[in-house]
Amino acid sequence: MTRITLIATFALTVALVAPSFAAEAMTDQQRKAILKVADDAKKALLAKDHDTFVGLLYPEMVKAAGGKERMIQMLKAEDAKNDAAGVVVESLDFAAADAMHTGSEFKLTFVTSTLVAKIGATRIQSRSFYVAFSPLRSERWYLLDGTRLTMPQFRQVFRGFPADLQLPTIEKKTL
């Protein structure tokens, strides 16, 4: 439903290596930084500020998608599709999980997203997730939409996760 869903498709072509993840408590500083990126992405998406939104993406994802201009074209096409379907986003909220996973090259956590939208006279709520990740030697965070992400796809992107790790569930309902 949101434009961020395109990111999951592009991320599968990115060769991110993150072996030996271990869970630990997230710091307040990490939580604030992750939620700021989520809020910045939300503002850019709702304002249809594609240039700003693409600037928030992991550079390798943008490159894998064909570059900045191609990414902007795809976002505009998705906007047009949503407009034609009568989709109106009423709210988009984020909540970061408590656990942080750290590997040899990246740290990551899951962020729950709750989207409420109208399609014509029907109101829907979609609860999904994003993977918030950052290179270890960086304080910059990026979001990867998990709406269409399967566990095998996740493992292709973030290798080395424990076998018992499960992706958060996705729930959709009519309000």
Protein backbone atom coordinates (compact mmCIF):
# COMPACT_ATOMS: atom_id res chain seq x y z
CA MET A 1 0.00 0.00 0.00
CA THR A 2 2.89 2.43 0.70
CA ARG A 3 5.68 3.36 -1.65
CA ILE A 4 8.24 1.84 0.68
CA THR A 5 7.14 -1.64 -0.43
CA LEU A 6 9.31 -1.21 -3.53
CA ILE A 7 12.40 -1.32 -1.33
CA ALA A 8 11.97 -4.99 -0.47
CA THR A 9 12.15 -5.92 -4.14
CA PHE A 10 15.31 -3.92 -4.72
CA ALA A 11 17.04 -5.09 -1.59
CA LEU A 12 17.05 -8.67 -2.76
CA THR A 13 19.62 -7.79 -5.38
CA VAL A 14 21.93 -6.16 -2.85
CA ALA A 15 24.68 -8.38 -1.45
CA LEU A 16 24.65 -7.45 2.22
CA VAL A 17 26.65 -9.76 4.44
CA ALA A 18 25.83 -9.78 8.16
CA PRO A 19 27.05 -12.98 9.81
CA SER A 20 26.96 -13.93 13.49
CA PHE A 21 24.07 -11.82 14.77
CA ALA A 22 23.45 -11.63 18.49
CA ALA A 23 20.46 -9.96 20.22
CA GLU A 24 20.99 -7.17 22.74
CA ALA A 25 18.94 -4.32 24.19
CA MET A 26 18.47 -1.29 21.98
CA THR A 27 19.84 1.97 23.37
CA ASP A 28 17.71 5.11 23.62
CA GLN A 29 20.02 6.79 21.11
CA GLN A 30 19.50 3.97 18.59
CA ARG A 31 15.72 4.05 19.10
CA LYS A 32 15.58 7.81 18.55
CA ALA A 33 17.73 7.59 15.41
CA ILE A 34 15.63 4.75 13.94
CA LEU A 35 12.33 6.49 14.66
CA LYS A 36 13.68 9.74 13.19
CA VAL A 37 14.51 7.98 9.91
CA ALA A 38 11.05 6.40 9.92
CA ASP A 39 9.42 9.79 10.55
CA ASP A 40 11.52 11.47 7.84
CA ALA A 41 10.54 8.72 5.38
CA LYS A 42 6.87 9.05 6.34
CA LYS A 43 6.92 12.83 5.81
CA ALA A 44 8.62 12.46 2.43
CA LEU A 45 6.22 9.73 1.30
CA LEU A 46 3.08 11.56 2.35
CA ALA A 47 4.32 14.78 0.73
CA LYS A 48 5.34 12.83 -2.39
CA ASP A 49 8.83 14.28 -1.98
CA HIS A 50 10.52 11.51 -3.93
CA ASP A 51 13.94 13.16 -4.03
CA THR A 52 14.10 13.35 -0.22
CA PHE A 53 12.75 9.82 0.16
CA VAL A 54 15.32 8.33 -2.22
CA GLY A 55 18.02 10.23 -0.33
CA LEU A 56 17.04 8.29 2.80
CA LEU A 57 17.58 4.90 1.14
CA TYR A 58 20.65 2.73 1.42
CA PRO A 59 22.83 3.73 -1.56
CA GLU A 60 23.31 0.12 -2.68
CA MET A 61 19.52 -0.29 -2.89
CA VAL A 62 19.18 2.79 -5.05
CA LYS A 63 22.00 1.56 -7.28
CA ALA A 64 20.40 -1.90 -7.56
CA ALA A 65 17.09 -0.28 -8.55
CA GLY A 66 18.72 1.46 -11.49
CA GLY A 67 19.76 4.70 -9.83
CA LYS A 68 18.08 7.72 -8.31
CA GLU A 69 16.10 8.84 -11.36
CA ARG A 70 14.77 5.33 -12.02
CA MET A 71 13.75 5.00 -8.38
CA ILE A 72 11.89 8.33 -8.54
CA GLN A 73 10.08 7.19 -11.70
CA MET A 74 8.95 4.01 -9.94
CA LEU A 75 7.70 5.95 -6.91
CA LYS A 76 5.73 8.32 -9.17
CA ALA A 77 4.21 5.33 -10.98
CA GLU A 78 3.14 3.82 -7.66
CA ASP A 79 1.65 7.18 -6.61
CA ALA A 80 -0.35 7.28 -9.84
CA LYS A 81 -1.57 3.71 -9.28
CA ASN A 82 -2.65 4.52 -5.70
CA ASP A 83 -4.33 7.76 -6.82
CA ALA A 84 -6.23 5.90 -9.56
CA ALA A 85 -7.41 3.35 -6.99
CA GLY A 86 -8.58 6.11 -4.65
CA VAL A 87 -6.11 5.25 -1.89
CA VAL A 88 -5.86 7.92 0.81
CA VAL A 89 -3.39 7.33 3.65
CA GLU A 90 -4.91 8.50 6.93
CA SER A 91 -2.01 7.58 9.21
CA LEU A 92 1.30 5.77 9.26
CA ASP A 93 2.90 5.06 12.63
CA PHE A 94 6.07 3.26 13.70
CA ALA A 95 7.26 1.47 16.85
CA ALA A 96 10.76 0.05 17.23
CA ALA A 97 11.33 -3.37 18.82
CA ASP A 98 13.43 -3.68 21.97
CA ALA A 99 16.02 -6.11 20.57
CA MET A 100 19.01 -5.07 18.50
CA HIS A 101 20.96 -7.65 16.49
CA THR A 102 24.62 -6.98 15.77
CA GLY A 103 26.70 -8.81 13.20
CA SER A 104 30.15 -8.34 11.76
CA GLU A 105 29.05 -5.57 9.37
CA PHE A 106 25.53 -4.43 10.34
CA LYS A 107 23.24 -3.90 13.28
CA LEU A 108 19.49 -4.23 12.82
CA THR A 109 16.10 -4.40 14.48
CA PHE A 110 12.48 -4.73 13.43
CA VAL A 111 10.16 -1.73 13.34
CA THR A 112 6.39 -2.25 13.40
CA SER A 113 4.41 -0.06 11.03
CA THR A 114 0.69 0.57 11.26
CA LEU A 115 -0.95 2.05 8.18
CA VAL A 116 -4.57 3.20 8.11
CA ALA A 117 -5.92 4.05 4.66
CA LYS A 118 -9.17 4.61 2.83
CA ILE A 119 -9.90 3.04 -0.50
CA GLY A 120 -13.17 4.59 -1.58
CA ALA A 121 -15.55 4.11 1.35
CA THR A 122 -13.53 1.25 2.88
CA ARG A 123 -11.04 1.87 5.69
CA ILE A 124 -8.25 -0.65 6.15
CA GLN A 125 -5.50 -1.17 8.68
CA SER A 126 -2.28 -2.89 7.78
CA ARG A 127 0.24 -3.82 10.45
CA SER A 128 3.57 -4.76 8.91
CA PHE A 129 7.25 -4.31 9.65
CA TYR A 130 10.46 -2.77 8.43
CA VAL A 131 14.00 -3.90 8.96
CA ALA A 132 15.96 -0.94 10.36
CA PHE A 133 19.65 -1.47 9.70
CA SER A 134 22.93 0.39 9.92
CA PRO A 135 26.51 -0.42 8.98
CA LEU A 136 28.48 -1.01 12.20
CA ARG A 137 30.83 1.90 11.73
CA SER A 138 27.99 4.30 11.00
CA GLU A 139 25.29 6.03 12.97
CA ARG A 140 23.08 6.33 9.89
CA TRP A 141 20.01 4.09 9.75
CA TYR A 142 18.07 2.78 6.76
CA LEU A 143 14.66 1.09 6.46
CA LEU A 144 13.82 -1.96 4.38
CA ASP A 145 10.10 -2.68 3.98
CA GLY A 146 9.20 -6.18 5.10
CA THR A 147 5.65 -6.20 3.68
CA ARG A 148 6.50 -8.65 0.92
CA LEU A 149 9.68 -10.06 2.41
CA THR A 150 9.86 -13.82 2.95
CA MET A 151 12.29 -15.50 5.31
CA PRO A 152 14.34 -16.98 2.42
CA GLN A 153 14.59 -13.50 0.86
CA PHE A 154 15.53 -12.01 4.22
CA ARG A 155 18.27 -14.61 4.62
CA GLN A 156 19.61 -13.76 1.14
CA VAL A 157 20.03 -10.13 2.20
CA PHE A 158 21.05 -10.59 5.85
CA ARG A 159 23.08 -13.77 6.01
CA GLY A 160 24.13 -15.41 9.25
CA PHE A 161 20.98 -14.89 11.34
CA PRO A 162 20.13 -17.57 13.90
CA ALA A 163 17.96 -20.34 12.44
CA ASP A 164 15.19 -19.73 15.00
CA LEU A 165 14.76 -16.03 14.17
CA GLN A 166 11.26 -15.31 12.84
CA LEU A 167 10.06 -12.30 10.88
CA PRO A 168 7.26 -10.30 12.51
CA THR A 169 3.74 -11.11 11.37
CA ILE A 170 1.72 -9.01 8.95
CA GLU A 171 -1.93 -8.31 9.71
CA LYS A 172 -4.54 -6.65 7.49
CA LYS A 173 -8.10 -5.89 8.43
CA THR A 174 -11.07 -3.78 7.41
CA LEU A 175 -12.05 -1.15 9.97
